[in-house]
Amino acid sequence: MSSINLSVQQLRQAADLKEKISALEKQLSQILGSTAIVAAKAPKKKGGMSAAGRARVAAAQKARWAKIKSGKPVAKVAQPAKKKFTMSAAAKAKLSAAAKARWAKVKATKPAVKAVVSSAPKKKGGISAEGRARMAAAAKARWAAAKAAGKKTL
């Protein structure tokens, strides 16, 4: 529970309880003769291997490799090469004909409106020749002003 949502009365009660707990812990430590209130946790042991253990593992691995290398060279079993799949001319023609039939069916179901719209050439750019000329004149004027001021860039 957040301490923001607690009322003033609840906060006072919590503070009183903490004081009572600390007083009781102090009494308990006096009775038991312990100076520490809470026993410290022992440091967590990191898993690992001793130097002697690592040496034994390394020696065993070296022995395994020596045994493998000293033995007869292992000949790899030659696997037969996979036959490359080739399609006959008749099969290719059959697939091509099926694809053409599918596309013909798709094109037949679409409306012909698209063909009429796409026949008109698409207009490029949205600025008229007059607008382009005004923009070019403005750019030239900016460059002239910059050069007159001795600038090399705008």
N, C-alpha and C. Protein backbone atom coordinates (compact mmCIF):
# COMPACT_ATOMS: atom_id res chain seq x y z
N MET A 1 0.84 -1.18 0.00
CA MET A 1 0.00 0.00 0.00
C MET A 1 0.89 1.24 0.00
N SER A 2 0.54 2.21 -0.75
CA SER A 2 1.32 3.44 -0.86
C SER A 2 1.05 4.32 0.35
N SER A 3 2.09 5.01 0.79
CA SER A 3 1.93 5.90 1.95
C SER A 3 1.17 7.17 1.55
N ILE A 4 1.01 7.42 0.29
CA ILE A 4 0.28 8.61 -0.17
C ILE A 4 -1.20 8.46 0.11
N ASN A 5 -1.72 7.23 0.01
CA ASN A 5 -3.15 7.00 0.18
C ASN A 5 -3.56 6.82 1.64
N LEU A 6 -2.61 6.86 2.56
CA LEU A 6 -2.92 6.66 3.98
C LEU A 6 -3.37 7.97 4.62
N SER A 7 -4.25 7.81 5.61
CA SER A 7 -4.69 8.99 6.35
C SER A 7 -3.64 9.34 7.41
N VAL A 8 -3.80 10.48 8.02
CA VAL A 8 -2.88 10.94 9.05
C VAL A 8 -2.90 9.98 10.24
N GLN A 9 -4.10 9.52 10.59
CA GLN A 9 -4.25 8.60 11.72
C GLN A 9 -3.51 7.29 11.43
N GLN A 10 -3.63 6.77 10.20
CA GLN A 10 -2.96 5.52 9.84
C GLN A 10 -1.45 5.70 9.86
N LEU A 11 -0.95 6.85 9.42
CA LEU A 11 0.49 7.10 9.43
C LEU A 11 1.02 7.14 10.87
N ARG A 12 0.27 7.78 11.78
CA ARG A 12 0.68 7.84 13.18
C ARG A 12 0.72 6.44 13.79
N GLN A 13 -0.29 5.63 13.45
CA GLN A 13 -0.36 4.27 13.96
C GLN A 13 0.84 3.46 13.46
N ALA A 14 1.20 3.62 12.17
CA ALA A 14 2.34 2.91 11.60
C ALA A 14 3.64 3.33 12.29
N ALA A 15 3.79 4.62 12.56
CA ALA A 15 4.99 5.11 13.24
C ALA A 15 5.08 4.54 14.65
N ASP A 16 3.96 4.47 15.37
CA ASP A 16 3.94 3.89 16.72
C ASP A 16 4.34 2.42 16.69
N LEU A 17 3.83 1.68 15.70
CA LEU A 17 4.16 0.26 15.58
C LEU A 17 5.65 0.07 15.33
N LYS A 18 6.23 0.92 14.48
CA LYS A 18 7.67 0.83 14.21
C LYS A 18 8.48 1.07 15.47
N GLU A 19 8.07 2.05 16.27
CA GLU A 19 8.77 2.33 17.51
C GLU A 19 8.68 1.16 18.47
N LYS A 20 7.50 0.54 18.56
CA LYS A 20 7.32 -0.62 19.43
C LYS A 20 8.19 -1.79 18.97
N ILE A 21 8.25 -2.00 17.64
CA ILE A 21 9.06 -3.10 17.09
C ILE A 21 10.53 -2.88 17.41
N SER A 22 11.01 -1.66 17.23
CA SER A 22 12.42 -1.39 17.51
C SER A 22 12.72 -1.54 19.01
N ALA A 23 11.78 -1.15 19.86
CA ALA A 23 11.98 -1.30 21.30
C ALA A 23 12.01 -2.78 21.68
N LEU A 24 11.13 -3.58 21.09
CA LEU A 24 11.10 -5.02 21.37
C LEU A 24 12.37 -5.70 20.87
N GLU A 25 12.87 -5.29 19.71
CA GLU A 25 14.11 -5.86 19.18
C GLU A 25 15.28 -5.54 20.11
N LYS A 26 15.27 -4.34 20.66
CA LYS A 26 16.34 -3.91 21.58
C LYS A 26 16.30 -4.76 22.85
N GLN A 27 15.10 -5.00 23.37
CA GLN A 27 14.95 -5.83 24.56
C GLN A 27 15.42 -7.26 24.29
N LEU A 28 15.05 -7.79 23.12
CA LEU A 28 15.44 -9.15 22.75
C LEU A 28 16.95 -9.28 22.65
N SER A 29 17.59 -8.29 22.06
CA SER A 29 19.05 -8.34 21.94
C SER A 29 19.72 -8.27 23.31
N GLN A 30 19.13 -7.51 24.26
CA GLN A 30 19.68 -7.45 25.60
C GLN A 30 19.54 -8.78 26.33
N ILE A 31 18.42 -9.45 26.13
CA ILE A 31 18.19 -10.75 26.78
C ILE A 31 19.14 -11.80 26.22
N LEU A 32 19.26 -11.83 24.91
CA LEU A 32 20.10 -12.85 24.27
C LEU A 32 21.58 -12.48 24.31
N GLY A 33 21.89 -11.26 24.61
CA GLY A 33 23.29 -10.83 24.68
C GLY A 33 23.87 -10.56 23.31
N SER A 34 23.03 -10.34 22.35
CA SER A 34 23.49 -10.08 20.99
C SER A 34 23.54 -8.58 20.76
N THR A 35 24.59 -8.14 20.08
CA THR A 35 24.70 -6.71 19.79
C THR A 35 24.02 -6.36 18.48
N ALA A 36 23.99 -7.31 17.55
CA ALA A 36 23.37 -7.05 16.26
C ALA A 36 21.88 -7.32 16.34
N ILE A 37 21.10 -6.44 15.80
CA ILE A 37 19.65 -6.61 15.82
C ILE A 37 19.23 -7.65 14.79
N VAL A 38 19.71 -7.49 13.60
CA VAL A 38 19.37 -8.42 12.54
C VAL A 38 20.65 -9.07 12.06
N ALA A 39 20.64 -10.39 11.98
CA ALA A 39 21.83 -11.10 11.52
C ALA A 39 22.08 -10.78 10.06
N ALA A 40 23.34 -10.47 9.77
CA ALA A 40 23.69 -10.14 8.39
C ALA A 40 23.69 -11.42 7.56
N LYS A 41 23.26 -11.29 6.34
CA LYS A 41 23.23 -12.45 5.44
C LYS A 41 24.65 -12.80 5.04
N ALA A 42 24.90 -14.09 4.96
CA ALA A 42 26.21 -14.54 4.51
C ALA A 42 26.35 -14.20 3.03
N PRO A 43 27.54 -13.79 2.58
CA PRO A 43 27.69 -13.46 1.17
C PRO A 43 27.40 -14.68 0.30
N LYS A 44 26.72 -14.43 -0.77
CA LYS A 44 26.33 -15.52 -1.66
C LYS A 44 27.55 -16.06 -2.37
N LYS A 45 27.73 -17.38 -2.29
CA LYS A 45 28.89 -18.00 -2.91
C LYS A 45 28.65 -18.10 -4.41
N LYS A 46 29.61 -17.63 -5.15
CA LYS A 46 29.51 -17.71 -6.61
C LYS A 46 29.95 -19.09 -7.03
N GLY A 47 29.16 -19.69 -7.88
CA GLY A 47 29.50 -21.02 -8.37
C GLY A 47 30.75 -20.97 -9.22
N GLY A 48 31.57 -21.92 -9.04
CA GLY A 48 32.79 -21.91 -9.81
C GLY A 48 33.55 -23.19 -9.60
N MET A 49 34.73 -23.23 -10.13
CA MET A 49 35.55 -24.42 -10.05
C MET A 49 36.92 -24.01 -9.55
N SER A 50 37.50 -24.86 -8.74
CA SER A 50 38.82 -24.55 -8.23
C SER A 50 39.85 -24.66 -9.35
N ALA A 51 41.02 -24.14 -9.10
CA ALA A 51 42.09 -24.19 -10.10
C ALA A 51 42.47 -25.64 -10.39
N ALA A 52 42.47 -26.47 -9.35
CA ALA A 52 42.82 -27.88 -9.54
C ALA A 52 41.76 -28.58 -10.40
N GLY A 53 40.51 -28.25 -10.16
CA GLY A 53 39.42 -28.83 -10.96
C GLY A 53 39.53 -28.44 -12.42
N ARG A 54 39.82 -27.14 -12.65
CA ARG A 54 39.97 -26.68 -14.04
C ARG A 54 41.14 -27.39 -14.71
N ALA A 55 42.21 -27.60 -13.97
CA ALA A 55 43.38 -28.28 -14.53
C ALA A 55 43.04 -29.72 -14.91
N ARG A 56 42.26 -30.41 -14.05
CA ARG A 56 41.86 -31.79 -14.37
C ARG A 56 41.00 -31.85 -15.62
N VAL A 57 40.05 -30.90 -15.74
CA VAL A 57 39.17 -30.87 -16.92
C VAL A 57 40.00 -30.60 -18.17
N ALA A 58 40.93 -29.65 -18.10
CA ALA A 58 41.77 -29.32 -19.25
C ALA A 58 42.62 -30.52 -19.65
N ALA A 59 43.18 -31.23 -18.66
CA ALA A 59 44.01 -32.40 -18.96
C ALA A 59 43.18 -33.49 -19.62
N ALA A 60 41.96 -33.69 -19.14
CA ALA A 60 41.10 -34.72 -19.73
C ALA A 60 40.74 -34.36 -21.17
N GLN A 61 40.47 -33.08 -21.43
CA GLN A 61 40.12 -32.66 -22.79
C GLN A 61 41.31 -32.82 -23.72
N LYS A 62 42.51 -32.49 -23.25
CA LYS A 62 43.72 -32.66 -24.06
C LYS A 62 43.94 -34.14 -24.38
N ALA A 63 43.66 -34.99 -23.40
CA ALA A 63 43.81 -36.42 -23.63
C ALA A 63 42.82 -36.92 -24.67
N ARG A 64 41.60 -36.42 -24.63
CA ARG A 64 40.60 -36.83 -25.63
C ARG A 64 41.03 -36.42 -27.03
N TRP A 65 41.50 -35.18 -27.17
CA TRP A 65 41.94 -34.71 -28.49
C TRP A 65 43.17 -35.47 -28.97
N ALA A 66 44.07 -35.79 -28.06
CA ALA A 66 45.26 -36.56 -28.45
C ALA A 66 44.85 -37.93 -28.95
N LYS A 67 43.88 -38.54 -28.30
CA LYS A 67 43.40 -39.86 -28.70
C LYS A 67 42.76 -39.79 -30.09
N ILE A 68 42.00 -38.72 -30.34
CA ILE A 68 41.35 -38.57 -31.64
C ILE A 68 42.39 -38.35 -32.73
N LYS A 69 43.35 -37.47 -32.45
CA LYS A 69 44.35 -37.13 -33.46
C LYS A 69 45.33 -38.27 -33.73
N SER A 70 45.61 -39.10 -32.72
CA SER A 70 46.58 -40.18 -32.91
C SER A 70 45.97 -41.37 -33.65
N GLY A 71 44.67 -41.45 -33.64
CA GLY A 71 44.00 -42.57 -34.31
C GLY A 71 44.08 -42.43 -35.82
N LYS A 72 43.55 -43.42 -36.49
CA LYS A 72 43.54 -43.42 -37.95
C LYS A 72 42.69 -42.26 -38.45
N PRO A 73 43.08 -41.68 -39.57
CA PRO A 73 42.27 -40.61 -40.11
C PRO A 73 40.89 -41.15 -40.51
N VAL A 74 39.91 -40.48 -40.05
CA VAL A 74 38.55 -40.92 -40.32
C VAL A 74 38.16 -40.46 -41.72
N ALA A 75 37.82 -41.42 -42.55
CA ALA A 75 37.40 -41.10 -43.91
C ALA A 75 35.91 -40.78 -43.89
N LYS A 76 35.57 -39.69 -44.48
CA LYS A 76 34.16 -39.31 -44.53
C LYS A 76 33.45 -40.17 -45.56
N VAL A 77 32.29 -40.59 -45.21
CA VAL A 77 31.49 -41.40 -46.11
C VAL A 77 30.91 -40.47 -47.17
N ALA A 78 31.21 -40.76 -48.41
CA ALA A 78 30.73 -39.92 -49.49
C ALA A 78 29.25 -40.21 -49.73
N GLN A 79 28.46 -39.16 -49.64
CA GLN A 79 27.04 -39.32 -49.88
C GLN A 79 26.78 -39.06 -51.35
N PRO A 80 25.87 -39.82 -51.93
CA PRO A 80 25.58 -39.58 -53.34
C PRO A 80 24.98 -38.19 -53.53
N ALA A 81 25.43 -37.53 -54.58
CA ALA A 81 24.95 -36.18 -54.85
C ALA A 81 23.46 -36.24 -55.20
N LYS A 82 22.73 -35.26 -54.69
CA LYS A 82 21.30 -35.24 -54.97
C LYS A 82 21.09 -34.89 -56.44
N LYS A 83 20.12 -35.56 -57.01
CA LYS A 83 19.81 -35.29 -58.41
C LYS A 83 19.06 -33.96 -58.49
N LYS A 84 19.52 -33.12 -59.39
CA LYS A 84 18.89 -31.82 -59.56
C LYS A 84 17.54 -32.02 -60.23
N PHE A 85 16.54 -31.36 -59.66
CA PHE A 85 15.19 -31.49 -60.19
C PHE A 85 15.06 -30.69 -61.47
N THR A 86 14.66 -31.35 -62.52
CA THR A 86 14.41 -30.66 -63.79
C THR A 86 12.98 -30.91 -64.20
N MET A 87 12.40 -29.89 -64.76
CA MET A 87 11.01 -29.98 -65.17
C MET A 87 10.96 -30.17 -66.69
N SER A 88 10.10 -31.05 -67.11
CA SER A 88 9.99 -31.29 -68.54
C SER A 88 9.33 -30.10 -69.22
N ALA A 89 9.53 -30.01 -70.53
CA ALA A 89 8.95 -28.90 -71.30
C ALA A 89 7.43 -28.96 -71.25
N ALA A 90 6.88 -30.16 -71.26
CA ALA A 90 5.42 -30.32 -71.22
C ALA A 90 4.86 -29.81 -69.89
N ALA A 91 5.58 -30.11 -68.78
CA ALA A 91 5.12 -29.66 -67.47
C ALA A 91 5.20 -28.14 -67.37
N LYS A 92 6.28 -27.56 -67.91
CA LYS A 92 6.40 -26.09 -67.90
C LYS A 92 5.27 -25.44 -68.68
N ALA A 93 4.95 -26.01 -69.84
CA ALA A 93 3.88 -25.46 -70.68
C ALA A 93 2.54 -25.56 -69.96
N LYS A 94 2.33 -26.67 -69.25
CA LYS A 94 1.08 -26.87 -68.52
C LYS A 94 0.94 -25.83 -67.40
N LEU A 95 2.03 -25.59 -66.64
CA LEU A 95 2.01 -24.58 -65.57
C LEU A 95 1.78 -23.18 -66.13
N SER A 96 2.44 -22.88 -67.24
CA SER A 96 2.29 -21.57 -67.87
C SER A 96 0.86 -21.34 -68.32
N ALA A 97 0.27 -22.36 -68.92
CA ALA A 97 -1.11 -22.24 -69.39
C ALA A 97 -2.07 -22.03 -68.22
N ALA A 98 -1.82 -22.74 -67.11
CA ALA A 98 -2.68 -22.59 -65.94
C ALA A 98 -2.56 -21.18 -65.36
N ALA A 99 -1.33 -20.65 -65.31
CA ALA A 99 -1.13 -19.30 -64.79
C ALA A 99 -1.81 -18.27 -65.68
N LYS A 100 -1.68 -18.43 -66.98
CA LYS A 100 -2.33 -17.49 -67.90
C LYS A 100 -3.84 -17.53 -67.75
N ALA A 101 -4.38 -18.73 -67.54
CA ALA A 101 -5.83 -18.86 -67.37
C ALA A 101 -6.27 -18.15 -66.08
N ARG A 102 -5.49 -18.30 -65.01
CA ARG A 102 -5.83 -17.63 -63.75
C ARG A 102 -5.82 -16.12 -63.92
N TRP A 103 -4.80 -15.58 -64.57
CA TRP A 103 -4.71 -14.13 -64.77
C TRP A 103 -5.83 -13.63 -65.68
N ALA A 104 -6.16 -14.40 -66.69
CA ALA A 104 -7.26 -14.00 -67.58
C ALA A 104 -8.57 -13.92 -66.79
N LYS A 105 -8.77 -14.87 -65.88
CA LYS A 105 -9.99 -14.88 -65.07
C LYS A 105 -10.02 -13.66 -64.15
N VAL A 106 -8.87 -13.31 -63.55
CA VAL A 106 -8.79 -12.16 -62.65
C VAL A 106 -9.05 -10.87 -63.43
N LYS A 107 -8.45 -10.74 -64.59
CA LYS A 107 -8.61 -9.53 -65.39
C LYS A 107 -10.02 -9.39 -65.93
N ALA A 108 -10.69 -10.51 -66.18
CA ALA A 108 -12.05 -10.46 -66.70
C ALA A 108 -13.03 -9.99 -65.63
N THR A 109 -12.76 -10.26 -64.36
CA THR A 109 -13.68 -9.87 -63.29
C THR A 109 -13.50 -8.41 -62.88
N LYS A 110 -12.36 -7.79 -63.18
CA LYS A 110 -12.13 -6.40 -62.81
C LYS A 110 -12.85 -5.47 -63.78
N PRO A 111 -13.35 -4.33 -63.29
CA PRO A 111 -14.03 -3.39 -64.18
C PRO A 111 -13.04 -2.73 -65.14
N ALA A 112 -13.55 -2.31 -66.28
CA ALA A 112 -12.72 -1.70 -67.31
C ALA A 112 -12.52 -0.21 -67.07
N VAL A 113 -13.04 0.34 -65.98
CA VAL A 113 -12.91 1.76 -65.68
C VAL A 113 -11.45 2.12 -65.50
N LYS A 114 -10.69 1.23 -64.92
CA LYS A 114 -9.29 1.51 -64.66
C LYS A 114 -8.52 1.76 -65.95
N ALA A 115 -8.85 1.03 -67.00
CA ALA A 115 -8.17 1.18 -68.27
C ALA A 115 -8.41 2.57 -68.85
N VAL A 116 -9.62 3.12 -68.68
CA VAL A 116 -9.95 4.44 -69.20
C VAL A 116 -9.18 5.51 -68.42
N VAL A 117 -9.12 5.36 -67.11
CA VAL A 117 -8.45 6.35 -66.28
C VAL A 117 -6.95 6.33 -66.55
N SER A 118 -6.38 5.13 -66.70
CA SER A 118 -4.94 5.04 -66.88
C SER A 118 -4.49 5.44 -68.29
N SER A 119 -5.42 5.57 -69.24
CA SER A 119 -5.02 5.93 -70.60
C SER A 119 -4.60 7.40 -70.70
N ALA A 120 -5.12 8.26 -69.82
CA ALA A 120 -4.75 9.67 -69.85
C ALA A 120 -3.36 9.82 -69.22
N PRO A 121 -2.47 10.62 -69.82
CA PRO A 121 -1.14 10.80 -69.24
C PRO A 121 -1.24 11.54 -67.90
N LYS A 122 -0.45 11.11 -66.96
CA LYS A 122 -0.47 11.70 -65.63
C LYS A 122 0.32 13.01 -65.65
N LYS A 123 -0.27 14.04 -65.08
CA LYS A 123 0.35 15.35 -65.04
C LYS A 123 1.46 15.34 -64.01
N LYS A 124 2.63 15.83 -64.38
CA LYS A 124 3.75 15.88 -63.46
C LYS A 124 3.89 17.28 -62.90
N GLY A 125 4.14 17.37 -61.62
CA GLY A 125 4.36 18.67 -60.99
C GLY A 125 3.07 19.42 -60.81
N GLY A 126 3.02 20.26 -59.79
CA GLY A 126 1.81 21.01 -59.53
C GLY A 126 1.99 22.50 -59.69
N ILE A 127 3.14 22.95 -60.22
CA ILE A 127 3.39 24.38 -60.36
C ILE A 127 3.36 24.74 -61.84
N SER A 128 2.73 25.87 -62.13
CA SER A 128 2.67 26.33 -63.52
C SER A 128 4.02 26.90 -63.94
N ALA A 129 4.17 27.11 -65.23
CA ALA A 129 5.42 27.67 -65.75
C ALA A 129 5.67 29.07 -65.15
N GLU A 130 4.60 29.83 -65.00
CA GLU A 130 4.72 31.18 -64.43
C GLU A 130 5.20 31.10 -62.98
N GLY A 131 4.65 30.16 -62.21
CA GLY A 131 5.05 29.97 -60.82
C GLY A 131 6.51 29.58 -60.71
N ARG A 132 6.94 28.65 -61.59
CA ARG A 132 8.34 28.23 -61.60
C ARG A 132 9.26 29.42 -61.89
N ALA A 133 8.86 30.27 -62.82
CA ALA A 133 9.67 31.43 -63.19
C ALA A 133 9.79 32.40 -62.01
N ARG A 134 8.71 32.60 -61.26
CA ARG A 134 8.75 33.48 -60.09
C ARG A 134 9.67 32.93 -59.01
N MET A 135 9.60 31.60 -58.80
CA MET A 135 10.47 30.98 -57.80
C MET A 135 11.94 31.10 -58.20
N ALA A 136 12.24 30.90 -59.48
CA ALA A 136 13.62 31.01 -59.96
C ALA A 136 14.12 32.44 -59.78
N ALA A 137 13.27 33.43 -60.08
CA ALA A 137 13.67 34.83 -59.94
C ALA A 137 13.95 35.16 -58.47
N ALA A 138 13.12 34.64 -57.56
CA ALA A 138 13.32 34.89 -56.13
C ALA A 138 14.63 34.27 -55.66
N ALA A 139 14.94 33.05 -56.13
CA ALA A 139 16.18 32.38 -55.74
C ALA A 139 17.39 33.16 -56.25
N LYS A 140 17.31 33.64 -57.50
CA LYS A 140 18.41 34.43 -58.06
C LYS A 140 18.62 35.70 -57.26
N ALA A 141 17.53 36.33 -56.82
CA ALA A 141 17.63 37.55 -56.03
C ALA A 141 18.29 37.27 -54.68
N ARG A 142 17.94 36.13 -54.05
CA ARG A 142 18.57 35.77 -52.77
C ARG A 142 20.06 35.55 -52.95
N TRP A 143 20.44 34.85 -54.01
CA TRP A 143 21.86 34.59 -54.26
C TRP A 143 22.62 35.89 -54.52
N ALA A 144 22.00 36.78 -55.30
CA ALA A 144 22.65 38.06 -55.60
C ALA A 144 22.88 38.85 -54.31
N ALA A 145 21.89 38.85 -53.41
CA ALA A 145 22.03 39.58 -52.14
C ALA A 145 23.12 38.95 -51.29
N ALA A 146 23.20 37.61 -51.29
CA ALA A 146 24.21 36.93 -50.49
C ALA A 146 25.61 37.22 -51.04
N LYS A 147 25.76 37.20 -52.35
CA LYS A 147 27.07 37.47 -52.96
C LYS A 147 27.49 38.92 -52.71
N ALA A 148 26.54 39.83 -52.76
CA ALA A 148 26.84 41.24 -52.52
C ALA A 148 27.32 41.44 -51.08
N ALA A 149 26.80 40.65 -50.17
CA ALA A 149 27.21 40.74 -48.78
C ALA A 149 28.52 40.01 -48.52
N GLY A 150 29.04 39.31 -49.51
CA GLY A 150 30.31 38.58 -49.39
C GLY A 150 30.15 37.19 -48.82
N LYS A 151 28.94 36.68 -48.76
CA LYS A 151 28.73 35.31 -48.25
C LYS A 151 28.96 34.31 -49.35
N LYS A 152 29.46 33.11 -48.96
CA LYS A 152 29.64 32.05 -49.94
C LYS A 152 28.49 31.05 -49.89
N THR A 153 27.74 31.09 -48.80
CA THR A 153 26.55 30.22 -48.67
C THR A 153 25.39 31.07 -48.20
N LEU A 154 24.19 30.55 -48.38
CA LEU A 154 23.03 31.30 -47.92
C LEU A 154 22.94 31.16 -46.46
